[in-house]
């Protein structure tokens, strides 16, 4: 199985087969507009602009499952992303990433790569660990996405290579992208 077997809705409601991205290195991100990690949109757009001509694409999937940090409509999300961060990479309709209503794509992604733990040296990482462990001391177990801006790097064949938690620096992700695009 690979991501190429899934169909998703674009942010403007069109059905999109992820097989359209076969042969590309793909970074899938669950996003939110009112999150401490929202400024990552700018870093992601910069990453996309540097590598999009080298068969690399970022796919953004808004999600409102974490403290109601993406309450807006798809139209307002698209406008916010474009006007505030200049996002030009493909954005998709709002989805759930965990639980019974989880998008089949995200159920697949999380089944392929478990939670990696937050970088506790990251200022938000320590806070997230405190918040989530106070709600459930076993929060780190399992494959569920724990917060917004979790990322999955997908190979050109559609298989999941690695999962990045939101506290992973963009430079680390970029290093992996460069390495893969350079055939190493």
N, C-alpha and C. Protein backbone atom coordinates (compact mmCIF):
# COMPACT_ATOMS: atom_id res chain seq x y z
N UNK A 1 0.84 -1.19 0.00
CA UNK A 1 0.00 0.00 0.00
C UNK A 1 0.88 1.24 0.00
N UNK A 2 0.34 2.34 -0.55
CA UNK A 2 1.05 3.62 -0.56
C UNK A 2 0.02 4.74 -0.54
N UNK A 3 0.50 5.98 -0.38
CA UNK A 3 -0.43 7.11 -0.38
C UNK A 3 -1.10 7.27 -1.73
N UNK A 4 -0.50 6.71 -2.77
CA UNK A 4 -1.04 6.86 -4.13
C UNK A 4 -2.41 6.19 -4.30
N UNK A 5 -2.80 5.39 -3.34
CA UNK A 5 -4.08 4.69 -3.41
C UNK A 5 -5.23 5.51 -2.81
N UNK A 6 -4.92 6.69 -2.26
CA UNK A 6 -5.94 7.49 -1.59
C UNK A 6 -6.41 8.64 -2.46
N UNK A 7 -7.68 8.99 -2.26
CA UNK A 7 -8.27 10.18 -2.87
C UNK A 7 -8.68 11.10 -1.73
N UNK A 8 -8.41 12.38 -1.88
CA UNK A 8 -8.72 13.38 -0.86
C UNK A 8 -9.39 14.57 -1.53
N UNK A 9 -9.95 15.45 -0.71
CA UNK A 9 -10.59 16.67 -1.25
C UNK A 9 -9.66 17.85 -1.10
N UNK A 10 -9.52 18.60 -2.20
CA UNK A 10 -8.75 19.84 -2.13
C UNK A 10 -9.52 20.83 -1.27
N UNK A 11 -8.86 21.90 -0.89
CA UNK A 11 -9.49 22.88 -0.03
C UNK A 11 -10.69 23.54 -0.71
N UNK A 12 -10.74 23.49 -2.04
CA UNK A 12 -11.90 24.03 -2.75
C UNK A 12 -12.88 22.94 -3.18
N UNK A 13 -12.75 21.74 -2.59
CA UNK A 13 -13.76 20.70 -2.75
C UNK A 13 -13.59 19.72 -3.89
N UNK A 14 -12.52 19.81 -4.64
CA UNK A 14 -12.30 18.87 -5.76
C UNK A 14 -11.68 17.57 -5.26
N UNK A 15 -12.11 16.46 -5.85
CA UNK A 15 -11.52 15.16 -5.53
C UNK A 15 -10.14 15.08 -6.19
N UNK A 16 -9.13 14.74 -5.40
CA UNK A 16 -7.76 14.65 -5.91
C UNK A 16 -7.21 13.27 -5.58
N UNK A 17 -6.73 12.57 -6.59
CA UNK A 17 -6.07 11.29 -6.35
C UNK A 17 -4.62 11.58 -6.01
N UNK A 18 -4.15 11.00 -4.91
CA UNK A 18 -2.76 11.22 -4.54
C UNK A 18 -1.80 10.51 -5.50
N UNK A 19 -2.34 9.71 -6.41
CA UNK A 19 -1.49 9.13 -7.46
C UNK A 19 -0.98 10.24 -8.38
N UNK A 20 -1.63 11.41 -8.34
CA UNK A 20 -1.15 12.56 -9.10
C UNK A 20 0.26 12.97 -8.66
N UNK A 21 0.65 12.55 -7.44
CA UNK A 21 1.95 12.93 -6.89
C UNK A 21 2.98 11.79 -7.00
N UNK A 22 2.64 10.74 -7.73
CA UNK A 22 3.59 9.64 -7.95
C UNK A 22 4.84 10.22 -8.61
N UNK A 23 6.01 9.78 -8.15
CA UNK A 23 7.26 10.27 -8.70
C UNK A 23 7.78 11.53 -8.02
N UNK A 24 7.02 12.03 -7.05
CA UNK A 24 7.45 13.22 -6.30
C UNK A 24 7.74 12.84 -4.86
N UNK A 25 8.67 13.54 -4.25
CA UNK A 25 8.90 13.46 -2.82
C UNK A 25 7.86 14.36 -2.19
N UNK A 26 7.10 13.84 -1.23
CA UNK A 26 5.94 14.55 -0.67
C UNK A 26 6.12 14.72 0.83
N UNK A 27 5.82 15.91 1.32
CA UNK A 27 5.75 16.17 2.76
C UNK A 27 4.31 16.49 3.09
N UNK A 28 3.66 15.61 3.87
CA UNK A 28 2.27 15.81 4.29
C UNK A 28 2.27 16.39 5.70
N UNK A 29 1.49 17.45 5.89
CA UNK A 29 1.47 18.18 7.16
C UNK A 29 0.03 18.41 7.61
N UNK A 30 -0.28 18.12 8.89
CA UNK A 30 -1.56 18.55 9.42
C UNK A 30 -1.35 19.94 10.02
N UNK A 31 -2.19 20.89 9.63
CA UNK A 31 -1.96 22.30 9.94
C UNK A 31 -3.09 22.89 10.78
N UNK A 32 -2.83 24.09 11.29
CA UNK A 32 -3.84 24.86 12.02
C UNK A 32 -3.43 26.33 12.00
N UNK A 33 -4.40 27.21 11.96
CA UNK A 33 -4.14 28.65 11.83
C UNK A 33 -3.97 29.38 13.16
N UNK A 34 -4.33 28.75 14.27
CA UNK A 34 -4.28 29.43 15.56
C UNK A 34 -3.44 28.64 16.57
N UNK A 35 -2.30 28.18 16.11
CA UNK A 35 -1.43 27.30 16.89
C UNK A 35 -0.07 27.98 17.09
N UNK A 36 0.62 27.62 18.15
CA UNK A 36 1.97 28.13 18.36
C UNK A 36 2.92 27.76 17.23
N UNK A 37 2.59 26.71 16.49
CA UNK A 37 3.42 26.28 15.37
C UNK A 37 2.99 26.88 14.02
N UNK A 38 1.93 27.68 14.01
CA UNK A 38 1.42 28.24 12.76
C UNK A 38 2.49 28.98 11.95
N UNK A 39 3.45 29.67 12.58
CA UNK A 39 4.50 30.31 11.78
C UNK A 39 5.31 29.32 10.92
N UNK A 40 5.17 28.04 11.17
CA UNK A 40 5.85 27.06 10.32
C UNK A 40 5.34 27.14 8.88
N UNK A 41 4.16 27.69 8.67
CA UNK A 41 3.68 27.89 7.29
C UNK A 41 4.73 28.63 6.48
N UNK A 42 5.33 29.66 7.07
CA UNK A 42 6.34 30.45 6.35
C UNK A 42 7.55 29.60 6.01
N UNK A 43 8.02 28.80 6.96
CA UNK A 43 9.17 27.92 6.71
C UNK A 43 8.83 26.85 5.67
N UNK A 44 7.61 26.33 5.75
CA UNK A 44 7.20 25.31 4.79
C UNK A 44 7.11 25.90 3.38
N UNK A 45 6.56 27.09 3.27
CA UNK A 45 6.47 27.74 1.95
C UNK A 45 7.86 27.98 1.38
N UNK A 46 8.79 28.40 2.22
CA UNK A 46 10.16 28.63 1.78
C UNK A 46 10.79 27.31 1.30
N UNK A 47 10.58 26.25 2.03
CA UNK A 47 11.07 24.92 1.66
C UNK A 47 10.48 24.49 0.32
N UNK A 48 9.19 24.69 0.19
CA UNK A 48 8.50 24.33 -1.05
C UNK A 48 9.07 25.12 -2.23
N UNK A 49 9.26 26.41 -2.05
CA UNK A 49 9.76 27.24 -3.15
C UNK A 49 11.18 26.84 -3.57
N UNK A 50 11.98 26.36 -2.62
CA UNK A 50 13.35 25.94 -2.95
C UNK A 50 13.40 24.63 -3.72
N UNK A 51 12.45 23.71 -3.48
CA UNK A 51 12.57 22.36 -4.04
C UNK A 51 11.44 21.93 -4.96
N UNK A 52 10.45 22.75 -5.17
CA UNK A 52 9.31 22.32 -6.00
C UNK A 52 9.71 22.01 -7.44
N UNK A 53 10.77 22.61 -7.92
CA UNK A 53 11.24 22.32 -9.28
C UNK A 53 12.06 21.04 -9.34
N UNK A 54 12.22 20.39 -8.19
CA UNK A 54 12.99 19.14 -8.13
C UNK A 54 12.09 17.97 -7.72
N UNK A 55 10.85 18.00 -8.15
CA UNK A 55 9.89 16.93 -7.84
C UNK A 55 9.64 16.77 -6.34
N UNK A 56 9.42 17.91 -5.68
CA UNK A 56 9.07 17.93 -4.26
C UNK A 56 7.80 18.75 -4.11
N UNK A 57 6.90 18.26 -3.24
CA UNK A 57 5.66 18.99 -2.98
C UNK A 57 5.28 18.84 -1.50
N UNK A 58 4.64 19.86 -0.98
CA UNK A 58 4.08 19.83 0.37
C UNK A 58 2.57 19.81 0.22
N UNK A 59 1.91 18.97 1.00
CA UNK A 59 0.45 18.89 1.01
C UNK A 59 -0.03 19.23 2.41
N UNK A 60 -0.81 20.30 2.55
CA UNK A 60 -1.29 20.75 3.85
C UNK A 60 -2.73 20.32 4.09
N UNK A 61 -2.96 19.75 5.28
CA UNK A 61 -4.29 19.28 5.67
C UNK A 61 -4.70 19.93 6.99
N UNK A 62 -5.54 20.96 6.95
CA UNK A 62 -6.00 21.60 8.19
C UNK A 62 -6.76 20.61 9.06
N UNK A 63 -6.61 20.80 10.37
CA UNK A 63 -7.26 19.91 11.35
C UNK A 63 -7.65 20.74 12.57
N UNK A 64 -8.83 20.47 13.10
CA UNK A 64 -9.33 21.22 14.26
C UNK A 64 -9.40 20.34 15.51
N UNK A 65 -8.65 19.27 15.57
CA UNK A 65 -8.75 18.34 16.69
C UNK A 65 -7.91 18.71 17.91
N UNK A 66 -7.10 19.75 17.83
CA UNK A 66 -6.21 20.08 18.92
C UNK A 66 -6.54 21.47 19.45
N UNK A 67 -7.29 21.52 20.53
CA UNK A 67 -7.69 22.75 21.22
C UNK A 67 -8.39 23.76 20.31
N UNK A 68 -9.16 23.25 19.34
CA UNK A 68 -9.97 24.12 18.47
C UNK A 68 -9.11 25.18 17.78
N UNK A 69 -7.92 24.77 17.30
CA UNK A 69 -6.98 25.72 16.72
C UNK A 69 -7.16 25.92 15.21
N UNK A 70 -8.18 25.25 14.63
CA UNK A 70 -8.50 25.48 13.22
C UNK A 70 -10.02 25.47 13.05
N UNK A 71 -10.69 26.49 13.64
CA UNK A 71 -12.15 26.51 13.63
C UNK A 71 -12.79 27.05 12.35
N UNK A 72 -12.00 27.65 11.47
CA UNK A 72 -12.55 28.34 10.31
C UNK A 72 -12.97 27.39 9.19
N UNK A 73 -13.70 27.93 8.23
CA UNK A 73 -14.11 27.18 7.04
C UNK A 73 -12.91 26.98 6.12
N UNK A 74 -13.04 26.06 5.19
CA UNK A 74 -11.96 25.83 4.23
C UNK A 74 -11.63 27.12 3.47
N UNK A 75 -12.64 27.88 3.10
CA UNK A 75 -12.41 29.12 2.35
C UNK A 75 -11.59 30.11 3.16
N UNK A 76 -11.93 30.27 4.44
CA UNK A 76 -11.20 31.21 5.29
C UNK A 76 -9.79 30.71 5.57
N UNK A 77 -9.63 29.40 5.71
CA UNK A 77 -8.29 28.82 5.91
C UNK A 77 -7.41 29.13 4.70
N UNK A 78 -7.95 28.90 3.52
CA UNK A 78 -7.19 29.13 2.29
C UNK A 78 -6.78 30.60 2.19
N UNK A 79 -7.71 31.49 2.47
CA UNK A 79 -7.42 32.92 2.42
C UNK A 79 -6.36 33.30 3.44
N UNK A 80 -6.48 32.80 4.67
CA UNK A 80 -5.50 33.08 5.72
C UNK A 80 -4.10 32.62 5.29
N UNK A 81 -4.01 31.40 4.79
CA UNK A 81 -2.71 30.85 4.39
C UNK A 81 -2.07 31.67 3.27
N UNK A 82 -2.86 32.01 2.30
CA UNK A 82 -2.35 32.76 1.15
C UNK A 82 -1.94 34.18 1.55
N UNK A 83 -2.83 34.88 2.28
CA UNK A 83 -2.57 36.28 2.61
C UNK A 83 -1.53 36.46 3.71
N UNK A 84 -1.54 35.60 4.71
CA UNK A 84 -0.64 35.76 5.85
C UNK A 84 0.74 35.18 5.60
N UNK A 85 0.79 34.02 4.92
CA UNK A 85 2.08 33.33 4.75
C UNK A 85 2.46 33.09 3.29
N UNK A 86 1.65 33.55 2.36
CA UNK A 86 1.97 33.37 0.95
C UNK A 86 2.00 31.91 0.51
N UNK A 87 1.21 31.08 1.17
CA UNK A 87 1.23 29.64 0.88
C UNK A 87 0.78 29.38 -0.56
N UNK A 88 1.64 28.69 -1.30
CA UNK A 88 1.32 28.30 -2.67
C UNK A 88 1.30 26.79 -2.84
N UNK A 89 1.73 26.05 -1.81
CA UNK A 89 1.67 24.60 -1.93
C UNK A 89 0.22 24.14 -1.77
N UNK A 90 -0.13 22.96 -2.30
CA UNK A 90 -1.52 22.50 -2.25
C UNK A 90 -2.05 22.35 -0.82
N UNK A 91 -3.23 22.90 -0.62
CA UNK A 91 -3.94 22.75 0.65
C UNK A 91 -5.20 21.94 0.39
N UNK A 92 -5.61 21.19 1.39
CA UNK A 92 -6.74 20.28 1.26
C UNK A 92 -7.82 20.62 2.28
N UNK A 93 -8.98 20.01 2.09
CA UNK A 93 -10.10 20.25 2.99
C UNK A 93 -9.75 19.80 4.40
N UNK A 94 -10.36 20.47 5.36
CA UNK A 94 -10.14 20.15 6.77
C UNK A 94 -10.47 18.68 7.02
N UNK A 95 -9.61 18.01 7.81
CA UNK A 95 -9.78 16.59 8.12
C UNK A 95 -9.61 16.35 9.61
N UNK A 96 -10.02 15.17 10.03
CA UNK A 96 -9.65 14.66 11.34
C UNK A 96 -8.47 13.72 11.12
N UNK A 97 -7.53 13.74 12.04
CA UNK A 97 -6.33 12.91 11.89
C UNK A 97 -6.29 11.75 12.87
N UNK A 98 -7.15 11.78 13.88
CA UNK A 98 -7.19 10.74 14.91
C UNK A 98 -8.64 10.30 15.14
N UNK A 99 -8.79 9.13 15.72
CA UNK A 99 -10.10 8.67 16.16
C UNK A 99 -10.92 8.03 15.06
N UNK A 100 -12.18 7.77 15.42
CA UNK A 100 -13.10 7.06 14.52
C UNK A 100 -13.35 7.83 13.23
N UNK A 101 -13.28 9.16 13.28
CA UNK A 101 -13.53 9.97 12.09
C UNK A 101 -12.28 10.33 11.31
N UNK A 102 -11.16 9.71 11.66
CA UNK A 102 -9.89 10.04 11.00
C UNK A 102 -9.94 9.78 9.50
N UNK A 103 -9.36 10.68 8.77
CA UNK A 103 -9.20 10.50 7.33
C UNK A 103 -8.46 9.18 7.09
N UNK A 104 -8.91 8.39 6.11
CA UNK A 104 -8.20 7.14 5.81
C UNK A 104 -6.72 7.37 5.51
N UNK A 105 -6.40 8.50 4.88
CA UNK A 105 -4.99 8.81 4.61
C UNK A 105 -4.21 8.91 5.91
N UNK A 106 -4.73 9.65 6.89
CA UNK A 106 -4.00 9.81 8.14
C UNK A 106 -4.00 8.53 8.97
N UNK A 107 -5.04 7.73 8.88
CA UNK A 107 -5.02 6.42 9.54
C UNK A 107 -3.88 5.58 8.97
N UNK A 108 -3.71 5.65 7.66
CA UNK A 108 -2.61 4.92 7.01
C UNK A 108 -1.26 5.48 7.46
N UNK A 109 -1.09 6.80 7.39
CA UNK A 109 0.19 7.41 7.75
C UNK A 109 0.61 7.05 9.17
N UNK A 110 -0.33 7.17 10.11
CA UNK A 110 0.02 6.90 11.50
C UNK A 110 0.27 5.41 11.74
N UNK A 111 -0.33 4.55 10.93
CA UNK A 111 -0.07 3.11 11.07
C UNK A 111 1.34 2.77 10.59
N UNK A 112 1.90 3.61 9.75
CA UNK A 112 3.23 3.34 9.19
C UNK A 112 4.36 3.84 10.09
N UNK A 113 4.12 4.93 10.80
CA UNK A 113 5.16 5.52 11.64
C UNK A 113 4.56 5.99 12.96
N UNK A 114 5.02 5.45 14.08
CA UNK A 114 4.49 5.83 15.39
C UNK A 114 5.01 7.20 15.85
N UNK A 115 4.40 7.69 16.91
CA UNK A 115 4.82 8.94 17.55
C UNK A 115 6.30 8.84 17.90
N UNK A 116 7.05 9.89 17.60
CA UNK A 116 8.50 9.89 17.81
C UNK A 116 8.94 10.61 19.09
N UNK A 117 8.01 11.24 19.78
CA UNK A 117 8.36 12.03 20.96
C UNK A 117 8.69 13.45 20.56
N UNK A 118 8.36 14.38 21.43
CA UNK A 118 8.65 15.79 21.17
C UNK A 118 10.11 16.08 21.52
N UNK A 119 10.69 17.04 20.83
CA UNK A 119 12.01 17.55 21.19
C UNK A 119 11.80 18.44 22.41
N UNK A 120 12.22 17.96 23.56
CA UNK A 120 11.97 18.68 24.81
C UNK A 120 12.88 19.90 24.97
N UNK A 121 13.84 20.06 24.08
CA UNK A 121 14.67 21.28 24.09
C UNK A 121 13.95 22.42 23.38
N UNK A 122 12.95 22.06 22.58
CA UNK A 122 12.15 23.07 21.88
C UNK A 122 11.21 23.69 22.91
N UNK A 123 11.09 25.03 22.97
CA UNK A 123 10.27 25.66 24.01
C UNK A 123 8.81 25.18 24.02
N UNK A 124 8.25 24.94 22.86
CA UNK A 124 6.86 24.46 22.83
C UNK A 124 6.82 22.96 23.13
N UNK A 125 7.88 22.24 22.81
CA UNK A 125 7.92 20.79 23.05
C UNK A 125 7.74 20.45 24.51
N UNK A 126 8.44 21.17 25.36
CA UNK A 126 8.34 20.93 26.81
C UNK A 126 6.93 21.24 27.30
N UNK A 127 6.35 22.33 26.82
CA UNK A 127 5.00 22.72 27.22
C UNK A 127 3.98 21.69 26.75
N UNK A 128 4.11 21.22 25.50
CA UNK A 128 3.20 20.20 24.98
C UNK A 128 3.28 18.93 25.81
N UNK A 129 4.49 18.53 26.15
CA UNK A 129 4.67 17.32 26.96
C UNK A 129 3.96 17.49 28.31
N UNK A 130 4.09 18.65 28.91
CA UNK A 130 3.43 18.92 30.20
C UNK A 130 1.91 18.86 30.06
N UNK A 131 1.39 19.54 29.03
CA UNK A 131 -0.07 19.59 28.82
C UNK A 131 -0.63 18.18 28.57
N UNK A 132 -0.02 17.49 27.61
CA UNK A 132 -0.56 16.18 27.22
C UNK A 132 -0.37 15.14 28.31
N UNK A 133 0.74 15.18 29.05
CA UNK A 133 0.94 14.19 30.11
C UNK A 133 0.02 14.48 31.31
N UNK A 134 -0.39 15.74 31.49
CA UNK A 134 -1.32 16.04 32.58
C UNK A 134 -2.72 15.51 32.25
N UNK A 135 -3.04 15.44 30.95
CA UNK A 135 -4.33 14.90 30.52
C UNK A 135 -4.33 13.37 30.49
N UNK A 136 -3.18 12.79 30.16
CA UNK A 136 -3.07 11.34 30.03
C UNK A 136 -1.60 10.97 30.16
N UNK A 137 -1.24 10.34 31.26
CA UNK A 137 0.18 10.03 31.48
C UNK A 137 0.75 9.08 30.43
N UNK A 138 -0.11 8.38 29.71
CA UNK A 138 0.34 7.46 28.66
C UNK A 138 0.18 8.05 27.26
N UNK A 139 0.10 9.38 27.15
CA UNK A 139 -0.17 10.01 25.86
C UNK A 139 0.86 9.63 24.80
N UNK A 140 2.09 9.37 25.20
CA UNK A 140 3.16 9.12 24.23
C UNK A 140 3.08 7.74 23.58
N UNK A 141 2.22 6.89 24.09
CA UNK A 141 2.08 5.56 23.52
C UNK A 141 1.22 5.63 22.26
N UNK A 142 1.45 4.71 21.37
CA UNK A 142 0.60 4.60 20.19
C UNK A 142 1.03 5.48 19.04
N UNK A 143 0.24 5.41 18.00
CA UNK A 143 0.59 6.06 16.74
C UNK A 143 -0.12 7.38 16.50
N UNK A 144 -1.11 7.73 17.33
CA UNK A 144 -1.89 8.94 17.09
C UNK A 144 -1.01 10.16 16.88
N UNK A 145 -1.52 11.09 16.10
CA UNK A 145 -0.89 12.39 15.98
C UNK A 145 -1.20 13.13 17.28
N UNK A 146 -0.17 13.73 17.85
CA UNK A 146 -0.32 14.38 19.15
C UNK A 146 -0.61 15.86 19.05
N UNK A 147 -0.25 16.50 17.90
CA UNK A 147 -0.45 17.94 17.78
C UNK A 147 -0.37 18.37 16.33
N UNK A 148 -0.75 19.63 16.09
CA UNK A 148 -0.68 20.24 14.77
C UNK A 148 0.77 20.29 14.27
N UNK A 149 0.90 20.29 12.96
CA UNK A 149 2.17 20.40 12.26
C UNK A 149 3.06 19.16 12.43
N UNK A 150 2.41 18.01 12.61
CA UNK A 150 3.12 16.74 12.48
C UNK A 150 3.29 16.52 10.98
N UNK A 151 4.44 15.98 10.60
CA UNK A 151 4.77 15.86 9.17
C UNK A 151 5.19 14.43 8.83
N UNK A 152 4.86 14.01 7.61
CA UNK A 152 5.26 12.71 7.11
C UNK A 152 5.96 12.92 5.77
N UNK A 153 7.20 12.43 5.66
CA UNK A 153 7.92 12.50 4.40
C UNK A 153 7.67 11.21 3.64
N UNK A 154 7.19 11.36 2.42
CA UNK A 154 6.76 10.24 1.59
C UNK A 154 7.69 10.13 0.39
N UNK A 155 8.18 8.92 0.13
CA UNK A 155 9.06 8.70 -1.00
C UNK A 155 8.33 8.81 -2.32
N UNK A 156 9.08 8.86 -3.40
CA UNK A 156 8.51 8.99 -4.74
C UNK A 156 7.62 7.81 -5.09
N UNK A 157 7.82 6.68 -4.40
CA UNK A 157 7.00 5.49 -4.61
C UNK A 157 5.71 5.51 -3.77
N UNK A 158 5.52 6.55 -2.96
CA UNK A 158 4.31 6.68 -2.15
C UNK A 158 4.39 6.07 -0.77
N UNK A 159 5.55 5.54 -0.41
CA UNK A 159 5.69 4.91 0.91
C UNK A 159 6.24 5.91 1.93
N UNK A 160 5.78 5.77 3.18
CA UNK A 160 6.20 6.68 4.25
C UNK A 160 7.66 6.40 4.60
N UNK A 161 8.48 7.45 4.59
CA UNK A 161 9.89 7.33 4.94
C UNK A 161 10.10 7.63 6.42
N UNK A 162 9.58 8.79 6.85
CA UNK A 162 9.83 9.23 8.23
C UNK A 162 8.68 10.13 8.69
N UNK A 163 8.47 10.14 9.99
CA UNK A 163 7.51 11.04 10.63
C UNK A 163 8.28 12.05 11.45
N UNK A 164 7.87 13.30 11.35
CA UNK A 164 8.47 14.38 12.12
C UNK A 164 7.41 14.97 13.04
N UNK A 165 7.75 15.09 14.28
CA UNK A 165 6.85 15.75 15.22
C UNK A 165 6.97 17.26 15.01
N UNK A 166 5.99 18.05 15.48
CA UNK A 166 6.00 19.49 15.20
C UNK A 166 7.21 20.23 15.76
N UNK A 167 7.89 19.64 16.73
CA UNK A 167 9.07 20.28 17.33
C UNK A 167 10.35 20.01 16.55
N UNK A 168 10.27 19.20 15.51
CA UNK A 168 11.46 18.94 14.67
C UNK A 168 11.74 20.18 13.83
N UNK A 169 12.97 20.61 13.83
CA UNK A 169 13.35 21.80 13.07
C UNK A 169 13.26 21.58 11.57
N UNK A 170 12.86 22.62 10.86
CA UNK A 170 12.75 22.55 9.40
C UNK A 170 14.11 22.22 8.78
N UNK A 171 15.21 22.66 9.40
CA UNK A 171 16.54 22.38 8.83
C UNK A 171 16.81 20.88 8.81
N UNK A 172 16.37 20.15 9.83
CA UNK A 172 16.54 18.70 9.83
C UNK A 172 15.73 18.05 8.71
N UNK A 173 14.51 18.54 8.53
CA UNK A 173 13.65 18.02 7.46
C UNK A 173 14.29 18.34 6.10
N UNK A 174 14.78 19.56 5.96
CA UNK A 174 15.40 19.96 4.69
C UNK A 174 16.64 19.12 4.40
N UNK A 175 17.42 18.81 5.41
CA UNK A 175 18.60 17.95 5.20
C UNK A 175 18.19 16.61 4.60
N UNK A 176 17.12 16.02 5.11
CA UNK A 176 16.64 14.74 4.58
C UNK A 176 16.12 14.90 3.16
N UNK A 177 15.41 15.98 2.90
CA UNK A 177 14.88 16.23 1.55
C UNK A 177 16.03 16.36 0.55
N UNK A 178 17.05 17.15 0.90
CA UNK A 178 18.20 17.31 0.01
C UNK A 178 18.89 15.98 -0.25
N UNK A 179 19.08 15.22 0.82
CA UNK A 179 19.76 13.93 0.70
C UNK A 179 18.98 13.00 -0.26
N UNK A 180 17.69 12.93 -0.09
CA UNK A 180 16.87 12.05 -0.94
C UNK A 180 16.83 12.56 -2.37
N UNK A 181 16.64 13.85 -2.55
CA UNK A 181 16.60 14.41 -3.90
C UNK A 181 17.95 14.25 -4.63
N UNK A 182 19.03 14.19 -3.85
CA UNK A 182 20.36 14.00 -4.44
C UNK A 182 20.71 12.52 -4.58
N UNK A 183 19.74 11.64 -4.29
CA UNK A 183 19.95 10.20 -4.48
C UNK A 183 20.84 9.54 -3.45
N UNK A 184 20.92 10.09 -2.26
CA UNK A 184 21.76 9.49 -1.21
C UNK A 184 20.93 8.84 -0.15
